[in-house]
Amino acid sequence: MIYKFLTTWIFVLVLFHKITSKIFSLPFLTFLILFMSLYISYINPTKYFIEYKKKTFVIDGYIKNLIDFYFHICPFLFIYFNYKIEPFFNNWKIIPSLLLIIIYISFYNPYKIYHLPINEIIIVSIFTIFSYILLFNYSK
């Protein structure tokens, strides 16, 4: 189902951004989703696999690009233009944001959902954090 994707969790937070922005670092979370989706969509494996009623649907081509644009790129741009980039360090909202990701990982196995080895997920996540820090430092 669609609730197994971290994108869905973050998309709900973005929908209720007036409330959730007081608790979570939405710029960081949407940036994480953006980078992970770019990696999954355009580098490896270039297809989305969605399970529904014990069937697996493979989404690729222009439909995959539309899904990526509407559910990954648009939320990031919306949050970026409304909230700007927040600091990673000295920002108490990063802690609940990281806890949300840990809770997500404890409920769902990212390997089975995203069809990526855990080492790739870790490497892309670390790269995303460093990129976010650099973006904050150079966007001042």
N, C-alpha and C. Protein backbone atom coordinates (compact mmCIF):
# COMPACT_ATOMS: atom_id res chain seq x y z
N MET A 1 0.83 -1.20 0.00
CA MET A 1 0.00 0.00 0.00
C MET A 1 0.86 1.25 0.00
N ILE A 2 0.25 2.34 -0.24
CA ILE A 2 0.96 3.60 -0.41
C ILE A 2 1.52 4.14 0.92
N TYR A 3 0.98 3.73 2.05
CA TYR A 3 1.48 4.20 3.35
C TYR A 3 2.84 3.61 3.69
N LYS A 4 3.31 2.64 2.92
CA LYS A 4 4.61 2.04 3.17
C LYS A 4 5.76 2.92 2.70
N PHE A 5 5.45 3.92 1.90
CA PHE A 5 6.49 4.80 1.37
C PHE A 5 6.70 5.99 2.29
N LEU A 6 7.96 6.33 2.52
CA LEU A 6 8.28 7.49 3.34
C LEU A 6 7.74 8.77 2.68
N THR A 7 7.68 8.77 1.37
CA THR A 7 7.12 9.91 0.64
C THR A 7 5.71 10.23 1.12
N THR A 8 4.90 9.22 1.35
CA THR A 8 3.53 9.42 1.81
C THR A 8 3.52 10.06 3.19
N TRP A 9 4.37 9.60 4.07
CA TRP A 9 4.44 10.16 5.41
C TRP A 9 4.81 11.65 5.33
N ILE A 10 5.83 11.96 4.55
CA ILE A 10 6.29 13.34 4.44
C ILE A 10 5.25 14.19 3.71
N PHE A 11 4.58 13.62 2.71
CA PHE A 11 3.55 14.35 1.97
C PHE A 11 2.42 14.78 2.91
N VAL A 12 2.05 13.91 3.84
CA VAL A 12 1.02 14.26 4.82
C VAL A 12 1.51 15.40 5.72
N LEU A 13 2.77 15.34 6.12
CA LEU A 13 3.32 16.44 6.92
C LEU A 13 3.31 17.76 6.15
N VAL A 14 3.59 17.69 4.86
CA VAL A 14 3.57 18.90 4.04
C VAL A 14 2.15 19.43 3.89
N LEU A 15 1.18 18.54 3.74
CA LEU A 15 -0.22 18.98 3.62
C LEU A 15 -0.67 19.77 4.84
N PHE A 16 -0.19 19.36 6.01
CA PHE A 16 -0.54 20.04 7.26
C PHE A 16 0.65 20.87 7.77
N HIS A 17 1.35 21.51 6.85
CA HIS A 17 2.60 22.19 7.17
C HIS A 17 2.46 23.28 8.22
N LYS A 18 1.32 23.92 8.32
CA LYS A 18 1.18 25.00 9.31
C LYS A 18 1.31 24.45 10.74
N ILE A 19 0.92 23.22 10.93
CA ILE A 19 1.04 22.58 12.24
C ILE A 19 2.36 21.83 12.36
N THR A 20 2.67 21.01 11.36
CA THR A 20 3.83 20.13 11.46
C THR A 20 5.17 20.86 11.36
N SER A 21 5.17 22.05 10.77
CA SER A 21 6.43 22.79 10.66
C SER A 21 6.93 23.27 12.02
N LYS A 22 6.06 23.26 13.02
CA LYS A 22 6.47 23.65 14.37
C LYS A 22 7.18 22.51 15.09
N ILE A 23 7.03 21.29 14.57
CA ILE A 23 7.61 20.11 15.21
C ILE A 23 8.75 19.53 14.39
N PHE A 24 8.55 19.42 13.08
CA PHE A 24 9.51 18.77 12.19
C PHE A 24 10.22 19.79 11.31
N SER A 25 11.41 19.43 10.89
CA SER A 25 12.14 20.24 9.93
C SER A 25 11.69 19.81 8.53
N LEU A 26 10.64 20.43 8.06
CA LEU A 26 10.10 20.07 6.75
C LEU A 26 11.09 20.33 5.61
N PRO A 27 11.89 21.40 5.67
CA PRO A 27 12.90 21.54 4.60
C PRO A 27 13.86 20.35 4.53
N PHE A 28 14.30 19.88 5.68
CA PHE A 28 15.20 18.72 5.69
C PHE A 28 14.50 17.47 5.19
N LEU A 29 13.31 17.19 5.67
CA LEU A 29 12.59 15.98 5.27
C LEU A 29 12.25 15.97 3.78
N THR A 30 11.80 17.10 3.26
CA THR A 30 11.48 17.14 1.83
C THR A 30 12.75 17.08 0.99
N PHE A 31 13.84 17.63 1.49
CA PHE A 31 15.12 17.52 0.79
C PHE A 31 15.58 16.07 0.75
N LEU A 32 15.43 15.37 1.85
CA LEU A 32 15.77 13.95 1.90
C LEU A 32 14.94 13.15 0.89
N ILE A 33 13.66 13.40 0.87
CA ILE A 33 12.77 12.72 -0.08
C ILE A 33 13.16 13.06 -1.51
N LEU A 34 13.48 14.32 -1.76
CA LEU A 34 13.88 14.74 -3.10
C LEU A 34 15.12 14.00 -3.56
N PHE A 35 16.17 13.97 -2.72
CA PHE A 35 17.41 13.31 -3.11
C PHE A 35 17.21 11.80 -3.29
N MET A 36 16.50 11.20 -2.36
CA MET A 36 16.28 9.74 -2.48
C MET A 36 15.47 9.43 -3.74
N SER A 37 14.47 10.25 -4.04
CA SER A 37 13.67 9.99 -5.23
C SER A 37 14.48 10.20 -6.50
N LEU A 38 15.35 11.19 -6.50
CA LEU A 38 16.21 11.38 -7.67
C LEU A 38 17.12 10.18 -7.88
N TYR A 39 17.64 9.65 -6.79
CA TYR A 39 18.49 8.46 -6.89
C TYR A 39 17.69 7.25 -7.37
N ILE A 40 16.54 7.03 -6.75
CA ILE A 40 15.73 5.86 -7.11
C ILE A 40 15.15 6.01 -8.52
N SER A 41 14.74 7.20 -8.88
CA SER A 41 14.08 7.40 -10.17
C SER A 41 15.03 7.41 -11.35
N TYR A 42 16.19 8.03 -11.18
CA TYR A 42 17.02 8.28 -12.34
C TYR A 42 18.38 7.57 -12.33
N ILE A 43 18.75 6.97 -11.22
CA ILE A 43 20.05 6.30 -11.17
C ILE A 43 19.87 4.79 -11.00
N ASN A 44 19.15 4.39 -9.95
CA ASN A 44 19.02 2.97 -9.68
C ASN A 44 17.74 2.72 -8.92
N PRO A 45 16.81 1.98 -9.32
CA PRO A 45 16.66 1.15 -10.52
C PRO A 45 15.88 1.79 -11.66
N THR A 46 15.49 3.00 -11.59
CA THR A 46 14.76 3.74 -12.62
C THR A 46 13.31 3.30 -12.81
N LYS A 47 12.77 2.53 -11.89
CA LYS A 47 11.36 2.13 -11.94
C LYS A 47 10.79 2.19 -10.53
N TYR A 48 9.47 2.40 -10.42
CA TYR A 48 8.79 2.32 -9.14
C TYR A 48 8.04 1.00 -9.09
N PHE A 49 8.10 0.35 -7.94
CA PHE A 49 7.37 -0.89 -7.72
C PHE A 49 6.35 -0.63 -6.62
N ILE A 50 5.08 -0.73 -6.96
CA ILE A 50 4.02 -0.48 -5.99
C ILE A 50 3.18 -1.74 -5.86
N GLU A 51 3.07 -2.21 -4.62
CA GLU A 51 2.27 -3.40 -4.35
C GLU A 51 0.86 -2.98 -3.95
N TYR A 52 -0.11 -3.65 -4.56
CA TYR A 52 -1.51 -3.38 -4.24
C TYR A 52 -2.28 -4.68 -4.37
N LYS A 53 -2.89 -5.12 -3.29
CA LYS A 53 -3.66 -6.36 -3.24
C LYS A 53 -2.86 -7.54 -3.77
N LYS A 54 -1.65 -7.69 -3.22
CA LYS A 54 -0.75 -8.80 -3.54
C LYS A 54 -0.29 -8.82 -5.00
N LYS A 55 -0.46 -7.72 -5.70
CA LYS A 55 0.07 -7.58 -7.06
C LYS A 55 1.11 -6.47 -7.05
N THR A 56 2.14 -6.63 -7.84
CA THR A 56 3.17 -5.61 -7.94
C THR A 56 3.04 -4.90 -9.29
N PHE A 57 2.89 -3.59 -9.22
CA PHE A 57 2.79 -2.77 -10.42
C PHE A 57 4.13 -2.08 -10.64
N VAL A 58 4.61 -2.14 -11.86
CA VAL A 58 5.85 -1.48 -12.22
C VAL A 58 5.50 -0.20 -12.97
N ILE A 59 6.00 0.92 -12.43
CA ILE A 59 5.72 2.22 -13.04
C ILE A 59 7.03 2.79 -13.57
N ASP A 60 7.03 3.11 -14.83
CA ASP A 60 8.21 3.73 -15.42
C ASP A 60 7.78 4.68 -16.53
N GLY A 61 8.74 5.25 -17.21
CA GLY A 61 8.42 6.17 -18.29
C GLY A 61 7.90 7.51 -17.80
N TYR A 62 7.04 8.12 -18.59
CA TYR A 62 6.56 9.47 -18.26
C TYR A 62 5.66 9.47 -17.02
N ILE A 63 4.97 8.37 -16.73
CA ILE A 63 4.15 8.31 -15.51
C ILE A 63 5.04 8.37 -14.27
N LYS A 64 6.16 7.67 -14.32
CA LYS A 64 7.12 7.72 -13.21
C LYS A 64 7.64 9.15 -13.04
N ASN A 65 7.91 9.83 -14.14
CA ASN A 65 8.40 11.21 -14.07
C ASN A 65 7.34 12.14 -13.50
N LEU A 66 6.08 11.94 -13.86
CA LEU A 66 5.00 12.75 -13.29
C LEU A 66 4.85 12.51 -11.80
N ILE A 67 4.89 11.25 -11.38
CA ILE A 67 4.81 10.93 -9.95
C ILE A 67 5.98 11.57 -9.21
N ASP A 68 7.17 11.45 -9.78
CA ASP A 68 8.34 12.05 -9.14
C ASP A 68 8.18 13.56 -9.01
N PHE A 69 7.69 14.21 -10.05
CA PHE A 69 7.52 15.65 -10.01
C PHE A 69 6.49 16.07 -8.96
N TYR A 70 5.32 15.45 -8.97
CA TYR A 70 4.23 15.88 -8.09
C TYR A 70 4.43 15.49 -6.63
N PHE A 71 5.06 14.35 -6.36
CA PHE A 71 5.16 13.89 -4.98
C PHE A 71 6.53 14.08 -4.35
N HIS A 72 7.54 14.44 -5.14
CA HIS A 72 8.87 14.62 -4.58
C HIS A 72 9.40 16.04 -4.81
N ILE A 73 9.31 16.50 -6.05
CA ILE A 73 9.88 17.81 -6.38
C ILE A 73 8.96 18.95 -5.93
N CYS A 74 7.68 18.86 -6.20
CA CYS A 74 6.73 19.93 -5.80
C CYS A 74 6.69 20.16 -4.29
N PRO A 75 6.59 19.09 -3.47
CA PRO A 75 6.61 19.35 -2.02
C PRO A 75 7.88 20.05 -1.55
N PHE A 76 9.03 19.65 -2.13
CA PHE A 76 10.28 20.32 -1.74
C PHE A 76 10.24 21.80 -2.12
N LEU A 77 9.85 22.09 -3.35
CA LEU A 77 9.80 23.48 -3.79
C LEU A 77 8.81 24.30 -2.96
N PHE A 78 7.67 23.71 -2.64
CA PHE A 78 6.68 24.41 -1.81
C PHE A 78 7.27 24.75 -0.44
N ILE A 79 7.89 23.78 0.19
CA ILE A 79 8.47 24.02 1.51
C ILE A 79 9.66 24.97 1.42
N TYR A 80 10.47 24.80 0.40
CA TYR A 80 11.64 25.68 0.25
C TYR A 80 11.24 27.14 0.11
N PHE A 81 10.24 27.42 -0.70
CA PHE A 81 9.84 28.80 -0.91
C PHE A 81 9.03 29.37 0.25
N ASN A 82 8.45 28.51 1.07
CA ASN A 82 7.69 28.99 2.22
C ASN A 82 8.50 29.03 3.51
N TYR A 83 9.48 28.14 3.65
CA TYR A 83 10.19 28.04 4.92
C TYR A 83 11.70 28.23 4.81
N LYS A 84 12.23 28.20 3.61
CA LYS A 84 13.68 28.30 3.39
C LYS A 84 14.38 27.09 4.02
N ILE A 85 15.68 27.06 3.88
CA ILE A 85 16.47 25.96 4.43
C ILE A 85 16.80 26.28 5.89
N GLU A 86 16.55 25.31 6.75
CA GLU A 86 16.85 25.48 8.18
C GLU A 86 18.20 24.84 8.48
N PRO A 87 18.85 25.29 9.53
CA PRO A 87 20.14 24.68 9.86
C PRO A 87 19.96 23.22 10.28
N PHE A 88 20.96 22.43 10.00
CA PHE A 88 20.93 21.04 10.45
C PHE A 88 21.39 20.96 11.91
N PHE A 89 22.46 21.67 12.20
CA PHE A 89 22.96 21.72 13.58
C PHE A 89 22.29 22.88 14.30
N ASN A 90 22.16 22.77 15.59
CA ASN A 90 21.51 23.80 16.40
C ASN A 90 20.07 24.04 15.98
N ASN A 91 19.42 22.98 15.62
CA ASN A 91 18.01 23.06 15.23
C ASN A 91 17.30 21.90 15.92
N TRP A 92 16.49 22.21 16.90
CA TRP A 92 15.85 21.16 17.67
C TRP A 92 14.84 20.36 16.84
N LYS A 93 14.35 20.90 15.73
CA LYS A 93 13.38 20.19 14.90
C LYS A 93 14.00 19.05 14.10
N ILE A 94 15.32 18.99 14.05
CA ILE A 94 15.99 17.88 13.36
C ILE A 94 15.81 16.59 14.15
N ILE A 95 15.77 16.68 15.47
CA ILE A 95 15.64 15.48 16.30
C ILE A 95 14.31 14.76 16.03
N PRO A 96 13.16 15.41 16.09
CA PRO A 96 11.92 14.70 15.74
C PRO A 96 11.91 14.22 14.28
N SER A 97 12.57 14.95 13.41
CA SER A 97 12.63 14.55 12.00
C SER A 97 13.42 13.25 11.85
N LEU A 98 14.55 13.17 12.51
CA LEU A 98 15.35 11.95 12.47
C LEU A 98 14.63 10.80 13.18
N LEU A 99 13.93 11.11 14.26
CA LEU A 99 13.14 10.08 14.94
C LEU A 99 12.03 9.54 14.04
N LEU A 100 11.42 10.40 13.28
CA LEU A 100 10.40 9.96 12.33
C LEU A 100 10.98 8.97 11.32
N ILE A 101 12.17 9.26 10.83
CA ILE A 101 12.82 8.35 9.89
C ILE A 101 13.16 7.03 10.55
N ILE A 102 13.63 7.08 11.78
CA ILE A 102 13.94 5.84 12.52
C ILE A 102 12.68 5.02 12.76
N ILE A 103 11.60 5.68 13.11
CA ILE A 103 10.32 4.98 13.30
C ILE A 103 9.88 4.34 11.99
N TYR A 104 10.01 5.09 10.90
CA TYR A 104 9.64 4.54 9.60
C TYR A 104 10.46 3.28 9.29
N ILE A 105 11.77 3.36 9.50
CA ILE A 105 12.65 2.22 9.20
C ILE A 105 12.34 1.03 10.11
N SER A 106 11.93 1.31 11.34
CA SER A 106 11.60 0.21 12.25
C SER A 106 10.28 -0.49 11.87
N PHE A 107 9.37 0.23 11.21
CA PHE A 107 8.12 -0.38 10.77
C PHE A 107 8.24 -1.06 9.41
N TYR A 108 9.01 -0.48 8.54
CA TYR A 108 9.11 -0.97 7.16
C TYR A 108 10.56 -1.20 6.78
N ASN A 109 10.79 -2.23 6.02
CA ASN A 109 12.13 -2.53 5.54
C ASN A 109 12.35 -1.79 4.23
N PRO A 110 13.20 -0.77 4.22
CA PRO A 110 13.41 0.01 2.99
C PRO A 110 13.92 -0.84 1.83
N TYR A 111 14.67 -1.90 2.14
CA TYR A 111 15.17 -2.76 1.07
C TYR A 111 14.03 -3.38 0.28
N LYS A 112 13.01 -3.87 0.98
CA LYS A 112 11.88 -4.51 0.31
C LYS A 112 10.99 -3.50 -0.41
N ILE A 113 10.89 -2.31 0.11
CA ILE A 113 10.01 -1.31 -0.48
C ILE A 113 10.66 -0.62 -1.68
N TYR A 114 11.92 -0.24 -1.52
CA TYR A 114 12.59 0.54 -2.56
C TYR A 114 13.50 -0.30 -3.45
N HIS A 115 13.65 -1.57 -3.13
CA HIS A 115 14.47 -2.48 -3.92
C HIS A 115 15.91 -1.98 -4.07
N LEU A 116 16.44 -1.46 -2.96
CA LEU A 116 17.81 -0.99 -2.92
C LEU A 116 18.53 -1.67 -1.77
N PRO A 117 19.80 -2.02 -1.96
CA PRO A 117 20.58 -2.55 -0.83
C PRO A 117 20.72 -1.49 0.27
N ILE A 118 20.79 -1.93 1.50
CA ILE A 118 20.85 -1.01 2.63
C ILE A 118 22.08 -0.11 2.56
N ASN A 119 23.19 -0.63 2.03
CA ASN A 119 24.39 0.21 1.94
C ASN A 119 24.17 1.38 0.98
N GLU A 120 23.40 1.20 -0.10
CA GLU A 120 23.09 2.32 -0.99
C GLU A 120 22.19 3.33 -0.30
N ILE A 121 21.23 2.85 0.46
CA ILE A 121 20.34 3.76 1.19
C ILE A 121 21.13 4.59 2.19
N ILE A 122 22.07 3.96 2.89
CA ILE A 122 22.89 4.67 3.87
C ILE A 122 23.79 5.69 3.17
N ILE A 123 24.42 5.30 2.08
CA ILE A 123 25.32 6.21 1.37
C ILE A 123 24.55 7.42 0.83
N VAL A 124 23.41 7.18 0.21
CA VAL A 124 22.62 8.30 -0.33
C VAL A 124 22.11 9.18 0.82
N SER A 125 21.73 8.58 1.94
CA SER A 125 21.27 9.37 3.09
C SER A 125 22.38 10.26 3.64
N ILE A 126 23.57 9.71 3.76
CA ILE A 126 24.71 10.51 4.26
C ILE A 126 25.03 11.62 3.26
N PHE A 127 25.04 11.29 1.99
CA PHE A 127 25.28 12.31 0.96
C PHE A 127 24.21 13.40 1.02
N THR A 128 22.97 13.01 1.27
CA THR A 128 21.88 13.97 1.37
C THR A 128 22.09 14.92 2.56
N ILE A 129 22.48 14.37 3.69
CA ILE A 129 22.71 15.21 4.88
C ILE A 129 23.83 16.21 4.61
N PHE A 130 24.94 15.74 4.03
CA PHE A 130 26.04 16.65 3.72
C PHE A 130 25.60 17.71 2.71
N SER A 131 24.84 17.31 1.72
CA SER A 131 24.36 18.27 0.71
C SER A 131 23.43 19.29 1.34
N TYR A 132 22.58 18.84 2.26
CA TYR A 132 21.67 19.76 2.95
C TYR A 132 22.46 20.78 3.78
N ILE A 133 23.48 20.31 4.48
CA ILE A 133 24.32 21.21 5.28
C ILE A 133 25.01 22.23 4.38
N LEU A 134 25.55 21.77 3.25
CA LEU A 134 26.19 22.69 2.31
C LEU A 134 25.20 23.69 1.72
N LEU A 135 24.02 23.20 1.40
CA LEU A 135 22.99 24.09 0.86
C LEU A 135 22.62 25.17 1.86
N PHE A 136 22.48 24.79 3.12
CA PHE A 136 22.16 25.79 4.15
C PHE A 136 23.29 26.80 4.28
N ASN A 137 24.53 26.33 4.31
CA ASN A 137 25.67 27.24 4.50
C ASN A 137 25.87 28.18 3.32
N TYR A 138 25.52 27.75 2.12
CA TYR A 138 25.74 28.60 0.94
C TYR A 138 24.50 29.33 0.50
N SER A 139 23.37 29.10 1.15
CA SER A 139 22.14 29.82 0.76
C SER A 139 21.90 31.06 1.62
N LYS A 140 22.83 31.36 2.49
CA LYS A 140 22.68 32.54 3.37
C LYS A 140 22.90 33.81 2.59
